[in-house]
């Protein structure tokens, strides 16, 4: 029976790109014992490159221990897990060669990938930060100065006189002979026919969490039109079940989670003018473009987004494009996500509408069935459109986390429908430019609102 290792890896960049480092840990799946550590300061690279370098180091360290082992990789980077599992394309030129190299360390059928929340990846994260701290001092990481907690999994204590557990520095290739020698005795002493305990996530109940504090899950089977990775070997990599998120019971399965992003500012936004689908279709301002880039960085750190859909209007397409460029994903345009048509009110402030069309405005504020002047869309009509869009997307993205880049009224309507609130509640919601909200939809038809009007990612 082949040995089974768990590889936990992480990478970070202080500035993205900025001073970066990675950390990786190899764990015996049967005992939980830490067998090897790897960490290295990388200089100035991006966060994703550092994460890939951590993966590569962890796999190499595992191969140095036993080239015939089966390996289960656990990372809190959804990007790396999804790309190496073959469901997401690898577009960035700095990541393609690293992914290809990682796919060749072990035969693909002996490596599985699992996303885990950041809180469960503390050991590798600690090593990555130690490497970055060492680089800041002008040094390379050293095992002798590591303060990472090696005993979080209560490993079996070594027998008297047994060699010290090896730690691997640099790219984890150096010292391979020493590592093999240190592990040779335990390997020979293992009882024939004894199988290692499976890595966590292969046969245990899923974990629970929330989108607000942990990364959301993915389904094992993406829609037929989901992008595929362009590394040949990665397409054959199996993926373990993911932890579920939210407050639903474990047997409910992973929800369809819609992360709702309002587009960045346009020239009309700070003036609080009606800007729907029937107006001038303004583009993002410089402030709005910067907001879109900041959202992309924030979502990249969370690592939860698996697909991006956007309203067809210019401001949402620009916002989605900025995020997609950072995440390495494509954007799908969905007509159902467009803003309400405000008719003759397009481009006017609330005060200007009150002066020019007071009766129509009074009726509109009192009745969701009322239309803006000039035959625009009523809130009731918008709600019908959004409900149909919601149902269609839940079916298409069951168990996945999808970013919907849209507008004020659609986002408020998604929240209103999830809460079962009356349509008049739309007037009681505030929604800032480039803010994030989230709604999760479960198999029994229930929904939960996770975040609303979150703009923490826009702060300096």
Protein backbone atom coordinates (compact mmCIF):
# COMPACT_ATOMS: atom_id res chain seq x y z
CA UNK A 1 0.00 0.00 0.00
CA UNK A 2 1.42 3.37 -1.01
CA UNK A 3 2.09 5.92 1.68
CA UNK A 4 -0.30 8.84 1.85
CA UNK A 5 0.85 12.38 2.44
CA UNK A 6 -1.05 15.59 3.03
CA UNK A 7 0.58 18.70 1.59
CA UNK A 8 -0.56 22.05 2.94
CA UNK A 9 0.84 25.07 1.11
CA UNK A 10 0.44 28.82 1.07
CA UNK A 11 2.05 31.91 -0.38
CA UNK A 12 1.77 35.61 0.23
CA UNK A 13 2.86 38.93 -1.18
CA UNK A 14 2.99 42.15 0.78
CA UNK A 15 1.91 44.57 -1.91
CA UNK A 16 0.81 42.14 -4.63
CA UNK A 17 3.19 42.32 -6.31
CA UNK A 18 5.55 42.92 -3.46
CA UNK A 19 7.97 41.14 -1.13
CA UNK A 20 6.70 37.57 -1.18
CA UNK A 21 7.30 34.13 0.27
CA UNK A 22 5.79 30.68 0.51
CA UNK A 23 5.40 27.97 3.09
CA UNK A 24 4.60 24.28 2.69
CA UNK A 25 4.16 21.35 5.05
CA UNK A 26 4.17 17.60 4.37
CA UNK A 27 2.09 15.58 6.85
CA UNK A 28 1.78 11.85 7.29
CA UNK A 29 -1.90 11.11 6.61
CA UNK A 30 -1.88 8.10 8.95
CA UNK A 31 -0.39 9.77 12.03
CA UNK A 32 -0.79 13.50 11.48
CA UNK A 33 2.94 13.92 12.02
CA UNK A 34 4.72 16.79 10.31
CA UNK A 35 7.40 15.20 8.14
CA UNK A 36 8.90 18.17 6.32
CA UNK A 37 8.61 21.93 6.03
CA UNK A 38 9.58 24.21 3.15
CA UNK A 39 9.73 27.99 3.07
CA UNK A 40 11.49 30.57 0.95
CA UNK A 41 11.63 34.31 0.40
CA UNK A 42 10.95 34.99 -3.30
CA UNK A 43 11.65 38.68 -3.74
CA UNK A 44 8.98 40.75 -5.47
CA UNK A 45 6.27 38.59 -7.07
CA UNK A 46 2.48 38.39 -6.98
CA UNK A 47 0.42 36.56 -4.38
CA UNK A 48 -0.70 33.92 -6.88
CA UNK A 49 2.83 33.19 -8.04
CA UNK A 50 3.86 32.76 -4.39
CA UNK A 51 0.97 30.35 -3.85
CA UNK A 52 2.02 28.27 -6.86
CA UNK A 53 5.62 28.26 -5.64
CA UNK A 54 4.37 26.97 -2.27
CA UNK A 55 2.45 24.19 -3.99
CA UNK A 56 5.47 23.23 -6.06
CA UNK A 57 7.72 23.17 -2.98
CA UNK A 58 5.26 21.03 -1.04
CA UNK A 59 4.95 18.50 -3.85
CA UNK A 60 8.71 18.32 -4.27
CA UNK A 61 9.15 17.81 -0.53
CA UNK A 62 6.61 14.99 -0.61
CA UNK A 63 8.37 13.39 -3.57
CA UNK A 64 11.69 13.62 -1.73
CA UNK A 65 10.10 11.63 1.08
CA UNK A 66 8.53 8.97 -1.15
CA UNK A 67 8.14 9.25 -4.94
CA UNK A 68 5.53 6.48 -4.88
CA UNK A 69 3.24 8.16 -2.37
CA UNK A 70 -0.32 9.37 -2.90
CA UNK A 71 -0.67 13.08 -2.12
CA UNK A 72 -3.67 15.11 -1.00
CA UNK A 73 -3.06 18.86 -1.38
CA UNK A 74 -4.94 21.29 0.87
CA UNK A 75 -4.73 25.04 0.13
CA UNK A 76 -6.80 28.11 0.93
CA UNK A 77 -6.21 29.46 -2.58
CA UNK A 78 -9.34 28.70 -4.60
CA UNK A 79 -7.52 29.90 -7.70
CA UNK A 80 -4.73 27.32 -7.43
CA UNK A 81 -7.06 24.49 -6.41
CA UNK A 82 -9.52 25.13 -9.24
CA UNK A 83 -6.82 25.60 -11.88
CA UNK A 84 -4.90 22.51 -10.85
CA UNK A 85 -8.17 20.56 -10.71
CA UNK A 86 -8.80 21.47 -14.35
CA UNK A 87 -11.93 23.61 -13.98
CA UNK A 88 -10.43 27.08 -14.42
CA UNK A 89 -8.25 28.32 -17.23
CA UNK A 90 -4.71 29.43 -16.47
CA UNK A 91 -4.24 32.71 -18.28
CA UNK A 92 -1.44 34.47 -16.45
CA UNK A 93 1.95 33.88 -18.13
CA UNK A 94 3.76 33.72 -14.79
CA UNK A 95 1.51 30.92 -13.50
CA UNK A 96 1.30 28.65 -16.55
CA UNK A 97 4.84 27.23 -16.28
CA UNK A 98 4.51 26.81 -12.52
CA UNK A 99 1.25 24.90 -12.90
CA UNK A 100 2.74 22.70 -15.60
CA UNK A 101 5.78 21.99 -13.44
CA UNK A 102 3.60 21.18 -10.42
CA UNK A 103 1.50 18.75 -12.48
CA UNK A 104 4.64 16.78 -13.36
CA UNK A 105 6.03 16.18 -9.87
CA UNK A 106 3.72 13.20 -9.31
CA UNK A 107 1.54 11.29 -11.79
CA UNK A 108 -1.78 13.19 -11.89
CA UNK A 109 -3.80 10.20 -10.73
CA UNK A 110 -1.89 10.20 -7.42
CA UNK A 111 -2.65 13.82 -6.48
CA UNK A 112 -5.97 15.23 -5.26
CA UNK A 113 -6.79 18.84 -4.40
CA UNK A 114 -9.01 20.32 -1.72
CA UNK A 115 -9.83 23.91 -0.84
CA UNK A 116 -9.73 24.68 2.88
CA UNK A 117 -10.52 27.89 4.81
CA UNK A 118 -7.53 30.05 5.67
CA UNK A 119 -8.03 29.27 9.35
CA UNK A 120 -7.17 25.62 8.62
CA UNK A 121 -3.96 26.51 6.81
CA UNK A 122 -2.18 28.25 9.67
CA UNK A 123 0.98 26.17 9.59
CA UNK A 124 1.81 26.90 5.95
CA UNK A 125 0.71 30.51 6.34
CA UNK A 126 3.02 30.92 9.32
CA UNK A 127 5.96 29.55 7.34
CA UNK A 128 5.22 31.89 4.43
CA UNK A 129 5.18 34.88 6.78
CA UNK A 130 8.41 33.73 8.41
CA UNK A 131 10.00 33.61 4.97
CA UNK A 132 8.78 37.13 4.17
CA UNK A 133 9.99 38.41 7.54
CA UNK A 134 13.39 36.85 6.91
CA UNK A 135 13.52 38.48 3.48
CA UNK A 136 12.76 41.84 5.04
CA UNK A 137 15.84 41.36 7.23
CA UNK A 138 17.92 40.47 4.18
CA UNK A 139 18.04 36.81 5.14
CA UNK A 140 16.62 33.53 3.88
CA UNK A 141 14.26 31.46 6.01
CA UNK A 142 15.93 28.98 8.30
CA UNK A 143 14.38 25.96 9.96
CA UNK A 144 16.38 26.69 13.09
CA UNK A 145 14.55 29.98 13.60
CA UNK A 146 11.06 28.77 12.66
CA UNK A 147 8.34 29.29 15.24
CA UNK A 148 5.59 27.50 13.31
CA UNK A 149 3.53 25.20 15.48
CA UNK A 150 4.62 21.68 14.61
CA UNK A 151 2.40 19.99 17.15
CA UNK A 152 -1.07 21.16 16.15
CA UNK A 153 -1.93 17.65 14.96
CA UNK A 154 -0.48 15.87 18.02
CA UNK A 155 1.98 13.75 16.05
CA UNK A 156 3.36 10.54 17.42
CA UNK A 157 6.50 11.35 19.44
CA UNK A 158 9.72 10.00 17.88
CA UNK A 159 11.29 7.02 19.55
CA UNK A 160 14.39 7.51 21.63
CA UNK A 161 17.39 8.01 19.40
CA UNK A 162 15.26 8.52 16.28
CA UNK A 163 16.51 11.16 13.85
CA UNK A 164 15.11 14.65 14.08
CA UNK A 165 12.16 15.35 11.81
CA UNK A 166 13.56 16.85 8.63
CA UNK A 167 12.80 20.34 7.45
CA UNK A 168 13.40 21.29 3.86
CA UNK A 169 14.54 24.76 2.84
CA UNK A 170 14.63 26.52 -0.49
CA UNK A 171 12.91 24.67 -3.31
CA UNK A 172 12.61 21.44 -1.28
CA UNK A 173 14.89 19.46 -3.61
CA UNK A 174 18.04 19.99 -1.61
CA UNK A 175 18.38 17.49 1.17
CA UNK A 176 16.25 14.81 -0.48
CA UNK A 177 18.69 12.05 0.44
CA UNK A 178 18.70 13.14 4.06
CA UNK A 179 14.92 13.17 4.15
CA UNK A 180 14.63 9.70 2.65
CA UNK A 181 17.17 8.32 5.08
CA UNK A 182 15.35 9.85 8.04
CA UNK A 183 12.05 8.27 6.97
CA UNK A 184 13.41 4.94 5.79
CA UNK A 185 13.13 3.15 9.14
CA UNK A 186 9.49 4.09 9.80
CA UNK A 187 8.60 3.02 6.27
CA UNK A 188 10.21 -0.41 6.63
CA UNK A 189 8.66 -0.92 10.04
CA UNK A 190 5.12 -0.34 8.84
CA UNK A 191 2.93 -3.44 9.02
CA UNK A 192 2.17 -5.01 5.67
CA UNK A 193 -1.32 -4.33 4.41
CA UNK A 194 -1.89 -1.41 6.78
CA UNK A 195 -3.48 1.49 4.99
CA UNK A 196 -3.03 5.08 5.98
CA UNK A 197 -5.98 7.04 7.26
CA UNK A 198 -7.48 9.08 4.43
CA UNK A 199 -6.82 12.80 4.40
CA UNK A 200 -9.45 14.96 5.99
CA UNK A 201 -12.13 15.83 3.47
CA UNK A 202 -12.09 12.45 1.69
CA UNK A 203 -14.49 10.61 3.97
CA UNK A 204 -15.43 13.00 6.76
CA UNK A 205 -18.47 15.31 7.04
CA UNK A 206 -17.98 18.76 5.50
CA UNK A 207 -17.08 21.71 7.61
CA UNK A 208 -19.29 24.76 8.03
CA UNK A 209 -18.49 28.43 7.87
CA UNK A 210 -19.77 31.69 6.38
CA UNK A 211 -18.91 33.71 3.33
CA UNK A 212 -18.27 36.66 5.61
CA UNK A 213 -15.42 34.97 7.43
CA UNK A 214 -14.32 32.06 5.29
CA UNK A 215 -14.13 31.16 1.65
CA UNK A 216 -17.20 29.65 0.04
CA UNK A 217 -17.36 26.15 -1.42
CA UNK A 218 -17.49 24.80 -4.91
CA UNK A 219 -19.31 21.90 -6.46
CA UNK A 220 -17.53 18.84 -7.77
CA UNK A 221 -19.19 19.17 -11.19
CA UNK A 222 -19.14 22.61 -12.85
CA UNK A 223 -21.58 23.52 -15.65
CA UNK A 224 -20.78 22.18 -19.10
CA UNK A 225 -19.63 25.59 -20.29
CA UNK A 226 -17.20 26.15 -17.39
CA UNK A 227 -13.65 26.99 -18.53
CA UNK A 228 -11.13 24.17 -18.47
CA UNK A 229 -7.49 24.44 -17.47
CA UNK A 230 -5.03 24.48 -20.34
CA UNK A 231 -2.46 22.25 -18.66
CA UNK A 232 -2.84 18.76 -20.12
CA UNK A 233 -1.87 16.84 -17.03
CA UNK A 234 -4.02 18.92 -14.71
CA UNK A 235 -7.19 17.83 -16.47
CA UNK A 236 -6.86 14.36 -14.97
CA UNK A 237 -6.47 15.48 -11.36
CA UNK A 238 -9.25 14.32 -9.06
CA UNK A 239 -10.74 16.71 -6.54
CA UNK A 240 -11.92 15.84 -3.04
CA UNK A 241 -15.26 17.09 -1.68
CA UNK A 242 -15.22 20.68 -0.44
CA UNK A 243 -16.24 22.06 2.93
CA UNK A 244 -19.74 23.45 2.90
CA UNK A 245 -20.44 27.00 4.03
CA UNK A 246 -23.34 28.69 5.72
CA UNK A 247 -25.76 27.68 8.40
CA UNK A 248 -27.48 24.80 6.61
CA UNK A 249 -27.08 21.22 7.85
CA UNK A 250 -24.20 19.30 6.32
CA UNK A 251 -26.54 17.02 4.34
CA UNK A 252 -28.04 20.03 2.55
CA UNK A 253 -24.96 20.24 0.36
CA UNK A 254 -23.14 23.36 -0.73
CA UNK A 255 -25.40 26.32 -1.58
CA UNK A 256 -25.37 28.35 -4.74
CA UNK A 257 -23.78 31.56 -3.50
CA UNK A 258 -24.20 34.80 -5.41
CA UNK A 259 -21.70 37.48 -4.47
CA UNK A 260 -23.42 40.68 -5.60
CA UNK A 261 -21.14 43.52 -6.67
CA UNK A 262 -22.47 46.94 -7.52
CA UNK A 263 -20.40 48.57 -10.27
CA UNK A 264 -17.90 51.31 -9.45
CA UNK A 265 -18.68 55.01 -9.60
CA UNK A 266 -19.63 56.78 -12.81
CA UNK A 267 -19.77 60.59 -13.21
CA UNK A 268 -23.48 60.35 -12.27
CA UNK A 269 -22.99 58.36 -9.05
CA UNK A 270 -21.77 61.12 -6.67
CA UNK A 271 -24.51 63.38 -8.01
CA UNK A 272 -27.10 60.74 -7.09
CA UNK A 273 -28.77 60.85 -10.50
CA UNK A 274 -31.08 58.16 -11.81
CA UNK A 275 -28.96 55.92 -14.01
CA UNK A 276 -30.76 52.88 -15.34
CA UNK A 277 -30.81 50.81 -18.48
CA UNK A 278 -32.60 53.45 -20.55
CA UNK A 279 -30.17 56.34 -20.15
CA UNK A 280 -26.81 57.35 -21.59
CA UNK A 281 -25.01 54.21 -20.37
CA UNK A 282 -22.14 56.06 -18.66
CA UNK A 283 -18.69 54.53 -18.24
CA UNK A 284 -16.76 54.32 -14.98
CA UNK A 285 -14.95 57.39 -13.74
CA UNK A 286 -11.32 57.21 -12.64
CA UNK A 287 -12.59 56.68 -9.11
CA UNK A 288 -14.81 53.86 -10.34
CA UNK A 289 -11.97 52.18 -12.20
CA UNK A 290 -9.83 52.30 -9.06
CA UNK A 291 -12.71 50.85 -7.03
CA UNK A 292 -13.06 47.99 -9.52
CA UNK A 293 -9.35 47.17 -9.22
CA UNK A 294 -9.58 47.20 -5.42
CA UNK A 295 -12.54 44.81 -5.53
CA UNK A 296 -10.51 42.49 -7.73
CA UNK A 297 -7.66 42.48 -5.22
CA UNK A 298 -10.04 41.83 -2.33
CA UNK A 299 -11.78 38.96 -4.09
CA UNK A 300 -8.43 37.48 -5.08
CA UNK A 301 -7.45 37.40 -1.41
CA UNK A 302 -10.68 35.65 -0.51
CA UNK A 303 -10.21 33.18 -3.33
CA UNK A 304 -13.87 32.15 -3.54
CA UNK A 305 -15.13 33.29 -6.95
CA UNK A 306 -15.56 30.56 -9.57
CA UNK A 307 -17.41 32.41 -12.32
CA UNK A 308 -18.28 36.03 -13.19
CA UNK A 309 -21.52 37.27 -14.75
CA UNK A 310 -22.27 40.90 -15.55
CA UNK A 311 -25.05 43.17 -16.69
CA UNK A 312 -24.67 44.27 -20.33
CA UNK A 313 -24.24 47.96 -19.43
CA UNK A 314 -20.86 49.64 -19.84
CA UNK A 315 -20.20 50.38 -16.16
CA UNK A 316 -20.82 46.79 -15.09
CA UNK A 317 -18.83 45.32 -17.95
CA UNK A 318 -15.87 47.55 -17.05
CA UNK A 319 -16.10 46.60 -13.37
CA UNK A 320 -16.37 42.91 -14.20
CA UNK A 321 -13.44 43.12 -16.62
CA UNK A 322 -11.17 44.60 -13.93
CA UNK A 323 -12.09 41.84 -11.47
CA UNK A 324 -11.85 39.10 -14.09
CA UNK A 325 -8.40 40.25 -15.12
CA UNK A 326 -7.22 39.89 -11.52
CA UNK A 327 -8.86 36.50 -11.01
CA UNK A 328 -7.98 35.04 -14.39
CA UNK A 329 -11.62 34.33 -15.26
CA UNK A 330 -13.90 35.08 -18.19
CA UNK A 331 -17.00 37.30 -18.00
CA UNK A 332 -20.43 36.14 -19.14
CA UNK A 333 -22.94 38.86 -20.00
CA UNK A 334 -26.45 38.26 -18.65
CA UNK A 335 -29.33 40.48 -19.73
CA UNK A 336 -31.27 39.58 -16.60
CA UNK A 337 -28.81 41.57 -14.45
CA UNK A 338 -29.38 44.96 -16.09
CA UNK A 339 -30.63 47.93 -14.11
CA UNK A 340 -34.24 49.11 -14.04
CA UNK A 341 -35.27 51.43 -16.88
CA UNK A 342 -36.16 54.75 -15.23
CA UNK A 343 -37.81 56.23 -18.32
CA UNK A 344 -37.83 60.02 -18.47
CA UNK A 345 -36.10 60.22 -15.09
CA UNK A 346 -32.79 58.98 -16.48
CA UNK A 347 -30.00 61.44 -15.67
CA UNK A 348 -32.12 63.49 -13.24
CA UNK A 349 -31.66 63.89 -9.51
CA UNK A 350 -34.44 62.94 -7.11
CA UNK A 351 -35.11 66.64 -6.52
CA UNK A 352 -35.36 67.34 -10.24
CA UNK A 353 -37.83 64.50 -10.68
CA UNK A 354 -39.92 65.82 -7.81
CA UNK A 355 -40.04 69.26 -9.44
CA UNK A 356 -40.87 68.01 -12.94
CA UNK A 357 -43.00 64.93 -12.28
CA UNK A 358 -44.36 65.21 -8.71
CA UNK A 359 -47.47 63.05 -9.20
CA UNK A 360 -45.61 60.27 -10.98
CA UNK A 361 -42.92 60.24 -8.28
CA UNK A 362 -45.52 60.10 -5.47
CA UNK A 363 -47.23 57.16 -7.15
CA UNK A 364 -43.91 55.38 -7.74
CA UNK A 365 -42.90 55.72 -4.08
CA UNK A 366 -46.26 54.33 -2.94
CA UNK A 367 -46.85 51.48 -5.38
CA UNK A 368 -44.28 48.95 -6.72
CA UNK A 369 -46.53 48.50 -9.76
CA UNK A 370 -46.17 52.18 -10.73
CA UNK A 371 -43.92 53.13 -13.65
CA UNK A 372 -41.53 56.05 -13.90
CA UNK A 373 -42.62 58.81 -16.23
CA UNK A 374 -42.31 57.85 -19.87
CA UNK A 375 -43.00 54.14 -19.52
CA UNK A 376 -39.95 52.86 -17.64
CA UNK A 377 -39.85 49.62 -15.66
CA UNK A 378 -41.75 49.27 -12.39
CA UNK A 379 -40.13 47.72 -9.34
CA UNK A 380 -42.64 44.85 -9.58
CA UNK A 381 -41.50 44.16 -13.16
CA UNK A 382 -37.87 44.32 -12.07
CA UNK A 383 -38.60 41.86 -9.25
CA UNK A 384 -40.21 39.41 -11.69
CA UNK A 385 -37.18 39.65 -13.97
CA UNK A 386 -34.69 39.20 -11.11
CA UNK A 387 -36.62 36.24 -9.67
CA UNK A 388 -36.48 34.50 -13.04
CA UNK A 389 -32.77 35.31 -13.35
CA UNK A 390 -32.15 34.01 -9.83
CA UNK A 391 -33.89 30.71 -10.51
CA UNK A 392 -32.03 30.21 -13.77
CA UNK A 393 -28.64 30.93 -12.21
CA UNK A 394 -29.29 28.75 -9.15
CA UNK A 395 -29.91 25.83 -11.49
CA UNK A 396 -26.83 26.60 -13.59
CA UNK A 397 -24.44 27.21 -10.67
CA UNK A 398 -25.70 24.89 -7.93
CA UNK A 399 -23.11 24.52 -5.18
CA UNK A 400 -20.80 27.16 -6.66
CA UNK A 401 -19.82 30.73 -5.78
CA UNK A 402 -20.54 33.21 -8.55
CA UNK A 403 -19.86 36.94 -8.78
CA UNK A 404 -22.78 38.90 -10.24
CA UNK A 405 -21.71 42.40 -11.29
CA UNK A 406 -24.88 44.43 -11.45
CA UNK A 407 -26.71 47.54 -10.19
CA UNK A 408 -28.51 49.04 -7.22
CA UNK A 409 -32.05 47.83 -7.95
CA UNK A 410 -31.16 44.24 -8.93
CA UNK A 411 -28.95 43.79 -5.86
CA UNK A 412 -31.57 45.22 -3.52
CA UNK A 413 -34.14 42.96 -5.17
CA UNK A 414 -31.97 39.85 -4.69
CA UNK A 415 -31.74 40.74 -0.98
CA UNK A 416 -35.45 41.60 -0.72
CA UNK A 417 -36.45 38.30 -2.29
CA UNK A 418 -34.07 36.33 -0.06
CA UNK A 419 -35.48 37.97 3.06
CA UNK A 420 -39.10 37.62 1.95
CA UNK A 421 -39.51 41.36 2.56
CA UNK A 422 -42.03 43.58 0.78
CA UNK A 423 -40.91 45.48 -2.30
CA UNK A 424 -41.21 48.73 -0.37
CA UNK A 425 -38.14 47.61 1.58
CA UNK A 426 -36.01 48.61 -1.42
CA UNK A 427 -36.42 52.22 -0.30
CA UNK A 428 -34.94 51.34 3.09
CA UNK A 429 -31.69 49.86 1.79
CA UNK A 430 -28.44 51.71 1.20
CA UNK A 431 -26.05 50.41 -1.42
CA UNK A 432 -22.71 52.11 -2.08
CA UNK A 433 -20.75 51.99 -5.32
CA UNK A 434 -18.46 48.94 -5.57
CA UNK A 435 -20.02 47.37 -2.48
CA UNK A 436 -20.35 43.62 -1.96
CA UNK A 437 -23.36 41.66 -0.78
CA UNK A 438 -23.96 37.91 -0.80
CA UNK A 439 -26.94 35.58 -0.84
CA UNK A 440 -26.68 31.80 -0.49
CA UNK A 441 -29.43 29.52 -1.82
CA UNK A 442 -29.86 26.02 -0.36
CA UNK A 443 -31.36 22.85 -1.77
CA UNK A 444 -34.56 23.20 0.28
CA UNK A 445 -35.33 26.60 -1.28
CA UNK A 446 -34.23 28.67 1.69
CA UNK A 447 -31.74 31.52 1.39
CA UNK A 448 -29.52 33.49 3.72
CA UNK A 449 -28.09 36.99 3.27
CA UNK A 450 -24.43 36.97 4.30
CA UNK A 451 -23.09 40.44 3.62
CA UNK A 452 -24.75 43.67 2.63
CA UNK A 453 -23.18 46.92 1.48
CA UNK A 454 -19.67 45.79 2.40
CA UNK A 455 -17.12 48.37 1.28
CA UNK A 456 -14.24 47.40 3.60
CA UNK A 457 -12.17 46.39 0.56
CA UNK A 458 -12.17 50.00 -0.68
CA UNK A 459 -10.41 51.40 2.39
CA UNK A 460 -6.73 52.32 2.01
